[in-house]
Amino acid sequence: EFGLQIFRQEYFNDENAVTAVNAVFTGEEIDSLKKPFQGGSFIGRTMGFDAARFGGDENCAHILDHYFDGSAVEVCTETWRGTDAVFTQGKVFDLIKFYKVGAVNVDCDGLGGPMLDNLRAMCNNAEGWEGNFPCVINEYHNVRQAGPYGNLTTENYFASKQAAARGKLFLKDSGVIAQLAARRFVFNGAQKVLESKKEWKTGEKGSPDRADAHVMA
């Protein structure tokens, strides 16, 4: 398996080839993300929103549809640069309205925290909507925890991995897929934890904003 992925990278120029034994996703799981979804009984639509912390980072909103058989299907991924809070929270609210999102998980460990109450107020005061505005704004924190995973975000990455292994995860954004393929983990005692952002950025990979927004969704 390790040799095949190296072959795919070097001879097929496959940027999504998994070439590390500590990758969260295997090459087969990454390949499975790109197959077409055949349809099913719809449950609801969610968004993960990761706000840019630094100038080189992206704001990212990732929207998924969920189905009764456990499938999750990407609706869209929107990214933009800049950290103007007023513009960003307006952009997120416009996406919520346009795509009729039912629930949003906002990363509140960074710049998303100050926007949380404003987004809730914008949803509560939305005009032109029949009945109550059908969106819940949730506060997301990457908390430490017991069990096999050291924190919530690591657990969510492995939940996406397990969905891909079952053939239940369907993605289309090449940036999301590439970042998931590149995500690595380490052992902290008996627990698995994602490599740090500092380690990730080694080699000018930027920040895994799209993958992080995906696992929040």
N, C-alpha and C. Protein backbone atom coordinates (compact mmCIF):
# COMPACT_ATOMS: atom_id res chain seq x y z
N GLU A 1 0.85 -1.21 0.00
CA GLU A 1 0.00 0.00 0.00
C GLU A 1 0.87 1.25 0.00
N PHE A 2 1.88 1.26 0.85
CA PHE A 2 2.77 2.43 0.91
C PHE A 2 3.46 2.63 -0.44
N GLY A 3 3.92 1.54 -1.05
CA GLY A 3 4.60 1.66 -2.34
C GLY A 3 3.68 2.13 -3.45
N LEU A 4 2.42 1.64 -3.44
CA LEU A 4 1.47 2.04 -4.47
C LEU A 4 1.19 3.54 -4.41
N GLN A 5 1.05 4.08 -3.22
CA GLN A 5 0.77 5.51 -3.09
C GLN A 5 1.96 6.35 -3.55
N ILE A 6 3.17 5.91 -3.25
CA ILE A 6 4.36 6.60 -3.76
C ILE A 6 4.36 6.57 -5.29
N PHE A 7 4.01 5.41 -5.87
CA PHE A 7 3.94 5.28 -7.33
C PHE A 7 2.94 6.27 -7.91
N ARG A 8 1.76 6.36 -7.28
CA ARG A 8 0.74 7.28 -7.79
C ARG A 8 1.21 8.73 -7.73
N GLN A 9 1.91 9.07 -6.68
CA GLN A 9 2.40 10.44 -6.56
C GLN A 9 3.45 10.74 -7.62
N GLU A 10 4.42 9.84 -7.77
CA GLU A 10 5.57 10.13 -8.62
C GLU A 10 5.30 9.93 -10.10
N TYR A 11 4.49 8.91 -10.45
CA TYR A 11 4.32 8.58 -11.87
C TYR A 11 3.00 9.07 -12.45
N PHE A 12 1.99 9.23 -11.61
CA PHE A 12 0.71 9.76 -12.08
C PHE A 12 0.52 11.21 -11.67
N ASN A 13 1.49 11.78 -10.95
CA ASN A 13 1.40 13.17 -10.49
C ASN A 13 0.09 13.40 -9.72
N ASP A 14 -0.27 12.43 -8.88
CA ASP A 14 -1.52 12.46 -8.13
C ASP A 14 -1.30 13.20 -6.82
N GLU A 15 -1.81 14.44 -6.74
CA GLU A 15 -1.59 15.25 -5.55
C GLU A 15 -2.34 14.70 -4.33
N ASN A 16 -3.31 13.83 -4.55
CA ASN A 16 -4.07 13.25 -3.44
C ASN A 16 -3.55 11.89 -3.00
N ALA A 17 -2.44 11.44 -3.59
CA ALA A 17 -1.87 10.16 -3.15
C ALA A 17 -1.41 10.29 -1.70
N VAL A 18 -1.72 9.28 -0.91
CA VAL A 18 -1.35 9.28 0.51
C VAL A 18 0.01 8.61 0.64
N THR A 19 1.02 9.36 1.11
CA THR A 19 2.38 8.84 1.11
C THR A 19 2.97 8.75 2.51
N ALA A 20 2.16 8.82 3.54
CA ALA A 20 2.67 8.71 4.90
C ALA A 20 1.88 7.65 5.65
N VAL A 21 2.60 6.85 6.43
CA VAL A 21 1.94 5.77 7.15
C VAL A 21 1.06 6.31 8.27
N ASN A 22 1.26 7.58 8.66
CA ASN A 22 0.43 8.16 9.72
C ASN A 22 -0.64 9.10 9.15
N ALA A 23 -1.02 8.90 7.88
CA ALA A 23 -2.10 9.68 7.30
C ALA A 23 -3.42 9.25 7.92
N VAL A 24 -4.32 10.20 8.13
CA VAL A 24 -5.65 9.87 8.64
C VAL A 24 -6.39 9.01 7.63
N PHE A 25 -6.39 9.41 6.36
CA PHE A 25 -7.12 8.71 5.31
C PHE A 25 -6.17 7.83 4.50
N THR A 26 -6.63 6.66 4.08
CA THR A 26 -5.88 5.84 3.13
C THR A 26 -6.16 6.34 1.71
N GLY A 27 -5.35 5.87 0.77
CA GLY A 27 -5.57 6.25 -0.62
C GLY A 27 -6.91 5.80 -1.14
N GLU A 28 -7.35 4.59 -0.75
CA GLU A 28 -8.64 4.08 -1.20
C GLU A 28 -9.78 4.93 -0.65
N GLU A 29 -9.65 5.38 0.59
CA GLU A 29 -10.70 6.22 1.17
C GLU A 29 -10.79 7.57 0.47
N ILE A 30 -9.64 8.13 0.12
CA ILE A 30 -9.65 9.40 -0.63
C ILE A 30 -10.29 9.20 -1.99
N ASP A 31 -9.97 8.10 -2.67
CA ASP A 31 -10.59 7.83 -3.98
C ASP A 31 -12.10 7.70 -3.87
N SER A 32 -12.56 7.11 -2.77
CA SER A 32 -14.00 6.87 -2.62
C SER A 32 -14.79 8.16 -2.49
N LEU A 33 -14.14 9.25 -2.06
CA LEU A 33 -14.84 10.52 -1.87
C LEU A 33 -15.37 11.08 -3.17
N LYS A 34 -14.78 10.72 -4.30
CA LYS A 34 -15.06 11.36 -5.58
C LYS A 34 -16.16 10.65 -6.38
N LYS A 35 -16.64 9.52 -5.89
CA LYS A 35 -17.65 8.79 -6.67
C LYS A 35 -19.00 9.49 -6.56
N PRO A 36 -19.89 9.30 -7.53
CA PRO A 36 -21.19 9.99 -7.52
C PRO A 36 -22.12 9.42 -6.46
N PHE A 37 -22.96 10.29 -5.92
CA PHE A 37 -23.96 9.89 -4.93
C PHE A 37 -25.23 9.44 -5.67
N GLN A 38 -25.79 8.32 -5.22
CA GLN A 38 -26.92 7.73 -5.93
C GLN A 38 -28.28 8.18 -5.40
N GLY A 39 -28.29 8.96 -4.31
CA GLY A 39 -29.55 9.46 -3.78
C GLY A 39 -30.01 8.69 -2.56
N GLY A 40 -30.95 9.28 -1.82
CA GLY A 40 -31.47 8.65 -0.62
C GLY A 40 -32.48 9.55 0.06
N SER A 41 -32.88 9.17 1.28
CA SER A 41 -33.87 9.92 2.05
C SER A 41 -33.16 11.03 2.84
N PHE A 42 -33.53 12.25 2.55
CA PHE A 42 -32.84 13.44 3.07
C PHE A 42 -33.22 13.71 4.53
N ILE A 43 -32.21 14.06 5.34
CA ILE A 43 -32.44 14.46 6.74
C ILE A 43 -32.35 15.98 6.89
N GLY A 44 -31.20 16.56 6.52
CA GLY A 44 -31.02 17.99 6.72
C GLY A 44 -29.68 18.46 6.21
N ARG A 45 -29.46 19.76 6.32
CA ARG A 45 -28.28 20.41 5.75
C ARG A 45 -27.53 21.17 6.84
N THR A 46 -26.22 20.97 6.90
CA THR A 46 -25.39 21.62 7.92
C THR A 46 -24.22 22.36 7.27
N MET A 47 -23.65 23.29 8.03
CA MET A 47 -22.46 24.02 7.60
C MET A 47 -21.41 24.01 8.70
N GLY A 48 -20.17 23.87 8.32
CA GLY A 48 -19.05 24.12 9.20
C GLY A 48 -18.38 25.40 8.76
N PHE A 49 -18.11 26.31 9.70
CA PHE A 49 -17.48 27.58 9.34
C PHE A 49 -16.20 27.77 10.14
N ASP A 50 -15.09 27.92 9.40
CA ASP A 50 -13.77 28.13 10.00
C ASP A 50 -13.29 29.52 9.59
N ALA A 51 -13.17 30.43 10.56
CA ALA A 51 -12.74 31.80 10.28
C ALA A 51 -11.22 31.88 10.19
N ALA A 52 -10.73 32.70 9.27
CA ALA A 52 -9.28 32.88 9.10
C ALA A 52 -8.69 33.55 10.32
N ARG A 53 -7.58 33.00 10.80
CA ARG A 53 -6.90 33.57 11.97
C ARG A 53 -5.76 34.49 11.56
N PHE A 54 -5.14 34.20 10.41
CA PHE A 54 -4.00 34.97 9.95
C PHE A 54 -4.22 35.39 8.50
N GLY A 55 -3.42 36.32 8.04
CA GLY A 55 -3.61 36.88 6.70
C GLY A 55 -3.53 35.86 5.59
N GLY A 56 -2.72 34.80 5.76
CA GLY A 56 -2.58 33.79 4.72
C GLY A 56 -3.64 32.72 4.75
N ASP A 57 -4.46 32.72 5.80
CA ASP A 57 -5.50 31.70 5.94
C ASP A 57 -6.74 32.09 5.13
N GLU A 58 -7.61 31.10 4.92
CA GLU A 58 -8.88 31.33 4.24
C GLU A 58 -10.02 31.24 5.25
N ASN A 59 -11.02 32.10 5.08
CA ASN A 59 -12.31 31.83 5.70
C ASN A 59 -12.95 30.73 4.86
N CYS A 60 -13.56 29.77 5.51
CA CYS A 60 -14.15 28.67 4.75
C CYS A 60 -15.50 28.27 5.34
N ALA A 61 -16.50 28.18 4.48
CA ALA A 61 -17.81 27.64 4.82
C ALA A 61 -18.03 26.40 3.96
N HIS A 62 -18.28 25.27 4.63
CA HIS A 62 -18.45 23.99 3.95
C HIS A 62 -19.83 23.46 4.30
N ILE A 63 -20.63 23.12 3.29
CA ILE A 63 -22.02 22.72 3.50
C ILE A 63 -22.21 21.27 3.06
N LEU A 64 -22.86 20.49 3.94
CA LEU A 64 -23.13 19.08 3.68
C LEU A 64 -24.61 18.77 3.80
N ASP A 65 -25.10 17.89 2.94
CA ASP A 65 -26.42 17.29 3.09
C ASP A 65 -26.27 15.92 3.75
N HIS A 66 -27.21 15.59 4.65
CA HIS A 66 -27.15 14.33 5.39
C HIS A 66 -28.38 13.49 5.06
N TYR A 67 -28.17 12.15 5.00
CA TYR A 67 -29.22 11.22 4.60
C TYR A 67 -29.38 10.10 5.64
N PHE A 68 -30.55 9.46 5.62
CA PHE A 68 -30.89 8.48 6.64
C PHE A 68 -29.96 7.28 6.63
N ASP A 69 -29.33 6.97 5.51
CA ASP A 69 -28.42 5.82 5.46
C ASP A 69 -27.02 6.16 5.98
N GLY A 70 -26.84 7.38 6.49
CA GLY A 70 -25.55 7.80 7.01
C GLY A 70 -24.69 8.53 6.01
N SER A 71 -25.18 8.74 4.80
CA SER A 71 -24.39 9.44 3.78
C SER A 71 -24.32 10.94 4.07
N ALA A 72 -23.19 11.52 3.75
CA ALA A 72 -22.99 12.97 3.81
C ALA A 72 -22.46 13.41 2.46
N VAL A 73 -23.12 14.41 1.85
CA VAL A 73 -22.83 14.82 0.47
C VAL A 73 -22.53 16.31 0.45
N GLU A 74 -21.39 16.69 -0.12
CA GLU A 74 -21.03 18.11 -0.19
C GLU A 74 -21.99 18.86 -1.11
N VAL A 75 -22.50 19.97 -0.60
CA VAL A 75 -23.31 20.89 -1.40
C VAL A 75 -22.40 21.93 -2.05
N CYS A 76 -21.57 22.57 -1.24
CA CYS A 76 -20.62 23.55 -1.77
C CYS A 76 -19.57 23.86 -0.71
N THR A 77 -18.46 24.42 -1.17
CA THR A 77 -17.42 24.95 -0.30
C THR A 77 -17.10 26.35 -0.78
N GLU A 78 -17.24 27.34 0.10
CA GLU A 78 -16.97 28.73 -0.23
C GLU A 78 -15.80 29.22 0.60
N THR A 79 -14.81 29.84 -0.05
CA THR A 79 -13.66 30.39 0.66
C THR A 79 -13.44 31.84 0.24
N TRP A 80 -12.89 32.62 1.15
CA TRP A 80 -12.55 34.00 0.84
C TRP A 80 -11.48 34.48 1.80
N ARG A 81 -10.70 35.45 1.33
CA ARG A 81 -9.60 36.00 2.13
C ARG A 81 -10.06 37.25 2.86
N GLY A 82 -9.28 37.62 3.85
CA GLY A 82 -9.60 38.84 4.59
C GLY A 82 -10.29 38.51 5.90
N THR A 83 -10.08 39.35 6.90
CA THR A 83 -10.60 39.06 8.22
C THR A 83 -11.58 40.13 8.71
N ASP A 84 -12.18 40.90 7.79
CA ASP A 84 -13.17 41.88 8.18
C ASP A 84 -14.40 41.15 8.72
N ALA A 85 -14.67 41.32 10.01
CA ALA A 85 -15.70 40.54 10.68
C ALA A 85 -17.09 40.85 10.15
N VAL A 86 -17.36 42.13 9.86
CA VAL A 86 -18.69 42.51 9.38
C VAL A 86 -18.97 41.86 8.03
N PHE A 87 -17.99 41.93 7.11
CA PHE A 87 -18.17 41.30 5.81
C PHE A 87 -18.33 39.79 5.95
N THR A 88 -17.48 39.18 6.78
CA THR A 88 -17.47 37.73 6.89
C THR A 88 -18.77 37.20 7.47
N GLN A 89 -19.26 37.81 8.55
CA GLN A 89 -20.51 37.30 9.13
C GLN A 89 -21.69 37.54 8.18
N GLY A 90 -21.63 38.63 7.39
CA GLY A 90 -22.66 38.84 6.38
C GLY A 90 -22.60 37.80 5.29
N LYS A 91 -21.38 37.42 4.89
CA LYS A 91 -21.20 36.38 3.87
C LYS A 91 -21.76 35.05 4.36
N VAL A 92 -21.43 34.69 5.61
CA VAL A 92 -21.93 33.43 6.17
C VAL A 92 -23.46 33.44 6.23
N PHE A 93 -24.03 34.55 6.67
CA PHE A 93 -25.49 34.65 6.76
C PHE A 93 -26.14 34.52 5.39
N ASP A 94 -25.53 35.14 4.37
CA ASP A 94 -26.07 35.03 3.01
C ASP A 94 -26.05 33.57 2.52
N LEU A 95 -24.98 32.84 2.86
CA LEU A 95 -24.89 31.43 2.48
C LEU A 95 -25.96 30.60 3.20
N ILE A 96 -26.17 30.91 4.48
CA ILE A 96 -27.21 30.21 5.25
C ILE A 96 -28.56 30.39 4.57
N LYS A 97 -28.88 31.63 4.20
CA LYS A 97 -30.18 31.92 3.58
C LYS A 97 -30.30 31.27 2.20
N PHE A 98 -29.25 31.44 1.39
CA PHE A 98 -29.33 30.96 0.01
C PHE A 98 -29.48 29.44 -0.05
N TYR A 99 -28.69 28.74 0.79
CA TYR A 99 -28.71 27.28 0.75
C TYR A 99 -29.67 26.66 1.76
N LYS A 100 -30.38 27.52 2.53
CA LYS A 100 -31.35 27.03 3.52
C LYS A 100 -30.71 26.00 4.46
N VAL A 101 -29.66 26.44 5.11
CA VAL A 101 -28.90 25.59 6.02
C VAL A 101 -29.65 25.47 7.35
N GLY A 102 -29.72 24.25 7.90
CA GLY A 102 -30.46 24.03 9.13
C GLY A 102 -29.65 24.23 10.40
N ALA A 103 -28.33 24.00 10.32
CA ALA A 103 -27.48 24.16 11.50
C ALA A 103 -26.08 24.52 11.07
N VAL A 104 -25.43 25.41 11.82
CA VAL A 104 -24.06 25.85 11.53
C VAL A 104 -23.20 25.64 12.77
N ASN A 105 -22.06 25.02 12.58
CA ASN A 105 -21.06 24.91 13.65
C ASN A 105 -19.96 25.93 13.38
N VAL A 106 -19.80 26.88 14.31
CA VAL A 106 -18.85 27.97 14.15
C VAL A 106 -17.65 27.73 15.06
N ASP A 107 -16.45 27.73 14.48
CA ASP A 107 -15.24 27.56 15.27
C ASP A 107 -15.06 28.76 16.19
N CYS A 108 -15.24 28.55 17.47
CA CYS A 108 -15.17 29.66 18.43
C CYS A 108 -13.87 29.69 19.21
N ASP A 109 -12.86 28.92 18.76
CA ASP A 109 -11.54 29.00 19.38
C ASP A 109 -10.70 30.11 18.76
N GLY A 110 -11.17 30.70 17.67
CA GLY A 110 -10.43 31.77 16.99
C GLY A 110 -11.32 32.96 16.76
N LEU A 111 -11.27 33.49 15.53
CA LEU A 111 -12.02 34.70 15.21
C LEU A 111 -13.52 34.45 15.05
N GLY A 112 -13.91 33.18 14.97
CA GLY A 112 -15.33 32.91 14.84
C GLY A 112 -16.11 33.23 16.11
N GLY A 113 -15.45 33.19 17.26
CA GLY A 113 -16.12 33.43 18.53
C GLY A 113 -16.88 34.75 18.60
N PRO A 114 -16.24 35.87 18.29
CA PRO A 114 -16.94 37.16 18.36
C PRO A 114 -18.10 37.28 17.38
N MET A 115 -18.13 36.45 16.33
CA MET A 115 -19.20 36.53 15.33
C MET A 115 -20.43 35.72 15.74
N LEU A 116 -20.28 34.83 16.71
CA LEU A 116 -21.34 33.89 17.03
C LEU A 116 -22.65 34.58 17.39
N ASP A 117 -22.60 35.49 18.35
CA ASP A 117 -23.83 36.18 18.78
C ASP A 117 -24.43 37.01 17.66
N ASN A 118 -23.56 37.63 16.84
CA ASN A 118 -24.06 38.43 15.72
C ASN A 118 -24.79 37.56 14.70
N LEU A 119 -24.25 36.37 14.41
CA LEU A 119 -24.91 35.47 13.47
C LEU A 119 -26.25 35.00 14.03
N ARG A 120 -26.28 34.72 15.32
CA ARG A 120 -27.54 34.31 15.94
C ARG A 120 -28.58 35.43 15.85
N ALA A 121 -28.15 36.66 16.11
CA ALA A 121 -29.07 37.79 16.04
C ALA A 121 -29.56 38.01 14.62
N MET A 122 -28.67 37.85 13.64
CA MET A 122 -29.06 38.02 12.24
C MET A 122 -30.09 36.97 11.84
N CYS A 123 -29.92 35.74 12.32
CA CYS A 123 -30.89 34.68 12.01
C CYS A 123 -32.22 34.96 12.70
N ASN A 124 -32.16 35.40 13.97
CA ASN A 124 -33.40 35.65 14.72
C ASN A 124 -34.20 36.81 14.14
N ASN A 125 -33.49 37.77 13.54
CA ASN A 125 -34.15 38.97 13.01
C ASN A 125 -34.32 38.94 11.50
N ALA A 126 -34.13 37.78 10.89
CA ALA A 126 -34.20 37.68 9.43
C ALA A 126 -35.58 38.04 8.93
N GLU A 127 -35.62 38.85 7.89
CA GLU A 127 -36.88 39.26 7.28
C GLU A 127 -37.15 38.44 6.01
N GLY A 128 -38.40 38.37 5.65
CA GLY A 128 -38.76 37.69 4.42
C GLY A 128 -38.73 36.19 4.52
N TRP A 129 -38.77 35.66 5.76
CA TRP A 129 -38.73 34.22 5.95
C TRP A 129 -40.07 33.77 6.52
N GLU A 130 -40.63 32.73 5.96
CA GLU A 130 -41.93 32.24 6.42
C GLU A 130 -41.75 31.44 7.72
N GLY A 131 -42.35 31.92 8.80
CA GLY A 131 -42.20 31.25 10.08
C GLY A 131 -40.87 31.55 10.72
N ASN A 132 -40.47 30.74 11.69
CA ASN A 132 -39.19 30.93 12.37
C ASN A 132 -38.04 30.60 11.44
N PHE A 133 -36.98 31.38 11.55
CA PHE A 133 -35.80 31.14 10.71
C PHE A 133 -35.21 29.78 11.08
N PRO A 134 -35.17 28.83 10.15
CA PRO A 134 -34.84 27.44 10.49
C PRO A 134 -33.34 27.16 10.53
N CYS A 135 -32.61 27.88 11.34
CA CYS A 135 -31.17 27.63 11.43
C CYS A 135 -30.71 27.80 12.87
N VAL A 136 -29.93 26.84 13.34
CA VAL A 136 -29.35 26.87 14.69
C VAL A 136 -27.86 27.15 14.54
N ILE A 137 -27.35 28.15 15.28
CA ILE A 137 -25.93 28.49 15.25
C ILE A 137 -25.28 27.87 16.49
N ASN A 138 -24.40 26.90 16.28
CA ASN A 138 -23.76 26.17 17.38
C ASN A 138 -22.33 26.64 17.61
N GLU A 139 -21.93 26.63 18.86
CA GLU A 139 -20.58 27.02 19.26
C GLU A 139 -19.69 25.77 19.25
N TYR A 140 -18.61 25.82 18.46
CA TYR A 140 -17.72 24.67 18.33
C TYR A 140 -16.39 24.97 19.01
N HIS A 141 -15.96 24.08 19.91
CA HIS A 141 -14.65 24.20 20.56
C HIS A 141 -13.91 22.87 20.42
N ASN A 142 -12.64 22.96 20.10
CA ASN A 142 -11.81 21.76 19.98
C ASN A 142 -11.30 21.36 21.37
N VAL A 143 -12.17 20.75 22.15
CA VAL A 143 -11.86 20.45 23.56
C VAL A 143 -11.10 19.14 23.69
N ARG A 144 -10.30 19.06 24.74
CA ARG A 144 -9.63 17.81 25.06
C ARG A 144 -10.66 16.82 25.59
N GLN A 145 -10.38 15.52 25.37
CA GLN A 145 -11.34 14.52 25.81
C GLN A 145 -10.65 13.19 26.07
N ALA A 146 -11.38 12.32 26.76
CA ALA A 146 -10.88 10.98 27.01
C ALA A 146 -11.20 10.09 25.82
N GLY A 147 -10.70 8.85 25.85
CA GLY A 147 -10.98 7.92 24.77
C GLY A 147 -9.82 7.83 23.79
N PRO A 148 -10.08 7.28 22.61
CA PRO A 148 -8.99 7.05 21.65
C PRO A 148 -8.47 8.31 20.97
N TYR A 149 -9.23 9.41 21.04
CA TYR A 149 -8.83 10.64 20.36
C TYR A 149 -8.63 11.75 21.39
N GLY A 150 -7.56 12.51 21.22
CA GLY A 150 -7.19 13.50 22.23
C GLY A 150 -8.04 14.75 22.25
N ASN A 151 -8.74 15.04 21.13
CA ASN A 151 -9.60 16.22 21.10
C ASN A 151 -10.72 16.00 20.09
N LEU A 152 -11.69 16.92 20.12
CA LEU A 152 -12.90 16.76 19.32
C LEU A 152 -12.61 16.78 17.83
N THR A 153 -11.72 17.68 17.38
CA THR A 153 -11.44 17.78 15.94
C THR A 153 -10.79 16.51 15.41
N THR A 154 -9.88 15.92 16.18
CA THR A 154 -9.28 14.65 15.77
C THR A 154 -10.36 13.58 15.64
N GLU A 155 -11.27 13.52 16.61
CA GLU A 155 -12.36 12.55 16.54
C GLU A 155 -13.20 12.76 15.28
N ASN A 156 -13.46 14.02 14.93
CA ASN A 156 -14.27 14.31 13.75
C ASN A 156 -13.56 13.94 12.45
N TYR A 157 -12.23 14.13 12.40
CA TYR A 157 -11.48 13.68 11.22
C TYR A 157 -11.63 12.17 11.05
N PHE A 158 -11.51 11.44 12.14
CA PHE A 158 -11.61 9.98 12.04
C PHE A 158 -13.05 9.54 11.79
N ALA A 159 -14.03 10.33 12.21
CA ALA A 159 -15.42 10.04 11.86
C ALA A 159 -15.63 10.17 10.35
N SER A 160 -15.02 11.20 9.74
CA SER A 160 -15.09 11.35 8.28
C SER A 160 -14.37 10.20 7.58
N LYS A 161 -13.24 9.80 8.15
CA LYS A 161 -12.50 8.67 7.59
C LYS A 161 -13.37 7.41 7.59
N GLN A 162 -14.05 7.17 8.72
CA GLN A 162 -14.90 5.98 8.83
C GLN A 162 -16.07 6.04 7.86
N ALA A 163 -16.63 7.24 7.66
CA ALA A 163 -17.70 7.39 6.68
C ALA A 163 -17.19 7.09 5.27
N ALA A 164 -15.98 7.56 4.96
CA ALA A 164 -15.39 7.27 3.65
C ALA A 164 -15.15 5.78 3.48
N ALA A 165 -14.68 5.12 4.53
CA ALA A 165 -14.41 3.68 4.46
C ALA A 165 -15.70 2.89 4.21
N ARG A 166 -16.84 3.40 4.67
CA ARG A 166 -18.13 2.75 4.44
C ARG A 166 -18.76 3.17 3.12
N GLY A 167 -18.09 4.06 2.39
CA GLY A 167 -18.64 4.55 1.12
C GLY A 167 -19.79 5.50 1.31
N LYS A 168 -19.79 6.26 2.42
CA LYS A 168 -20.91 7.14 2.75
C LYS A 168 -20.54 8.62 2.71
N LEU A 169 -19.37 8.98 2.23
CA LEU A 169 -18.95 10.38 2.18
C LEU A 169 -18.66 10.75 0.73
N PHE A 170 -19.29 11.86 0.27
CA PHE A 170 -19.20 12.25 -1.13
C PHE A 170 -18.80 13.72 -1.21
N LEU A 171 -17.59 14.00 -1.71
CA LEU A 171 -17.06 15.36 -1.77
C LEU A 171 -16.68 15.70 -3.20
N LYS A 172 -16.64 17.02 -3.49
CA LYS A 172 -16.28 17.45 -4.85
C LYS A 172 -15.22 18.54 -4.88
N ASP A 173 -15.03 19.28 -3.79
CA ASP A 173 -14.05 20.36 -3.78
C ASP A 173 -12.64 19.77 -3.70
N SER A 174 -11.82 20.07 -4.69
CA SER A 174 -10.47 19.48 -4.75
C SER A 174 -9.61 19.94 -3.58
N GLY A 175 -9.84 21.16 -3.09
CA GLY A 175 -9.06 21.64 -1.96
C GLY A 175 -9.38 20.89 -0.68
N VAL A 176 -10.67 20.61 -0.45
CA VAL A 176 -11.06 19.82 0.73
C VAL A 176 -10.44 18.43 0.65
N ILE A 177 -10.54 17.79 -0.50
CA ILE A 177 -10.03 16.43 -0.67
C ILE A 177 -8.52 16.40 -0.48
N ALA A 178 -7.81 17.37 -1.07
CA ALA A 178 -6.35 17.40 -0.95
C ALA A 178 -5.91 17.60 0.50
N GLN A 179 -6.61 18.47 1.23
CA GLN A 179 -6.24 18.70 2.62
C GLN A 179 -6.55 17.49 3.50
N LEU A 180 -7.66 16.81 3.24
CA LEU A 180 -7.94 15.58 3.98
C LEU A 180 -6.87 14.53 3.71
N ALA A 181 -6.45 14.41 2.45
CA ALA A 181 -5.43 13.43 2.08
C ALA A 181 -4.10 13.72 2.77
N ALA A 182 -3.82 15.00 3.02
CA ALA A 182 -2.53 15.39 3.59
C ALA A 182 -2.52 15.39 5.12
N ARG A 183 -3.68 15.22 5.75
CA ARG A 183 -3.75 15.33 7.21
C ARG A 183 -3.09 14.13 7.87
N ARG A 184 -2.25 14.39 8.86
CA ARG A 184 -1.50 13.37 9.58
C ARG A 184 -1.88 13.37 11.06
N PHE A 185 -1.58 12.27 11.72
CA PHE A 185 -1.81 12.20 13.16
C PHE A 185 -0.58 11.64 13.86
N VAL A 186 -0.50 11.86 15.15
CA VAL A 186 0.56 11.30 15.98
C VAL A 186 -0.10 10.67 17.20
N PHE A 187 0.65 9.87 17.94
CA PHE A 187 0.16 9.30 19.18
C PHE A 187 0.65 10.14 20.35
N ASN A 188 -0.28 10.51 21.22
CA ASN A 188 0.04 11.16 22.48
C ASN A 188 -0.34 10.17 23.58
N GLY A 189 0.62 9.33 23.97
CA GLY A 189 0.30 8.21 24.82
C GLY A 189 -0.51 7.22 24.00
N ALA A 190 -1.70 6.86 24.49
CA ALA A 190 -2.56 5.92 23.78
C ALA A 190 -3.54 6.63 22.85
N GLN A 191 -3.53 7.97 22.87
CA GLN A 191 -4.50 8.73 22.09
C GLN A 191 -3.92 9.20 20.76
N LYS A 192 -4.77 9.23 19.74
CA LYS A 192 -4.40 9.82 18.47
C LYS A 192 -4.76 11.31 18.50
N VAL A 193 -3.85 12.15 18.01
CA VAL A 193 -4.13 13.58 17.87
C VAL A 193 -3.57 14.04 16.53
N LEU A 194 -4.24 15.01 15.92
CA LEU A 194 -3.76 15.56 14.65
C LEU A 194 -2.42 16.24 14.84
N GLU A 195 -1.60 16.23 13.79
CA GLU A 195 -0.38 17.01 13.84
C GLU A 195 -0.74 18.48 14.05
N SER A 196 0.14 19.22 14.69
CA SER A 196 -0.15 20.62 15.00
C SER A 196 -0.19 21.46 13.74
N LYS A 197 -0.83 22.62 13.85
CA LYS A 197 -0.86 23.55 12.71
C LYS A 197 0.55 23.97 12.31
N LYS A 198 1.44 24.09 13.30
CA LYS A 198 2.83 24.47 13.00
C LYS A 198 3.49 23.40 12.14
N GLU A 199 3.29 22.13 12.47
CA GLU A 199 3.85 21.04 11.68
C GLU A 199 3.20 21.00 10.30
N TRP A 200 1.88 21.22 10.24
CA TRP A 200 1.18 21.21 8.97
C TRP A 200 1.74 22.24 8.02
N LYS A 201 2.01 23.44 8.54
CA LYS A 201 2.43 24.54 7.68
C LYS A 201 3.87 24.40 7.20
N THR A 202 4.63 23.46 7.76
CA THR A 202 5.98 23.20 7.27
C THR A 202 5.90 22.75 5.82
N GLY A 203 6.65 23.40 4.96
CA GLY A 203 6.59 23.07 3.54
C GLY A 203 5.59 23.89 2.78
N GLU A 204 5.14 25.00 3.35
CA GLU A 204 4.26 25.96 2.68
C GLU A 204 2.93 25.33 2.26
N LYS A 205 2.37 24.50 3.13
CA LYS A 205 1.07 23.91 2.82
C LYS A 205 -0.08 24.85 3.17
N GLY A 206 0.21 25.99 3.78
CA GLY A 206 -0.86 26.88 4.19
C GLY A 206 -1.53 26.36 5.45
N SER A 207 -2.83 26.55 5.54
CA SER A 207 -3.58 26.10 6.70
C SER A 207 -4.71 25.18 6.23
N PRO A 208 -5.04 24.11 6.99
CA PRO A 208 -6.07 23.16 6.56
C PRO A 208 -7.49 23.66 6.80
N ASP A 209 -7.77 24.89 6.36
CA ASP A 209 -9.05 25.52 6.67
C ASP A 209 -10.23 24.76 6.06
N ARG A 210 -10.08 24.29 4.84
CA ARG A 210 -11.19 23.61 4.17
C ARG A 210 -11.49 22.27 4.83
N ALA A 211 -10.45 21.51 5.14
CA ALA A 211 -10.66 20.22 5.81
C ALA A 211 -11.26 20.43 7.19
N ASP A 212 -10.80 21.44 7.91
CA ASP A 212 -11.34 21.71 9.25
C ASP A 212 -12.82 22.10 9.17
N ALA A 213 -13.18 22.94 8.20
CA ALA A 213 -14.59 23.32 8.03
C ALA A 213 -15.42 22.08 7.69
N HIS A 214 -14.86 21.18 6.88
CA HIS A 214 -15.59 19.96 6.52
C HIS A 214 -15.91 19.13 7.75
N VAL A 215 -14.92 18.86 8.60
CA VAL A 215 -15.18 17.97 9.75
C VAL A 215 -16.08 18.66 10.76
N MET A 216 -16.12 20.00 10.78
CA MET A 216 -17.08 20.68 11.66
C MET A 216 -18.50 20.50 11.14
N ALA A 217 -18.64 20.38 9.83
CA ALA A 217 -19.98 20.19 9.24
C ALA A 217 -20.52 18.78 9.45
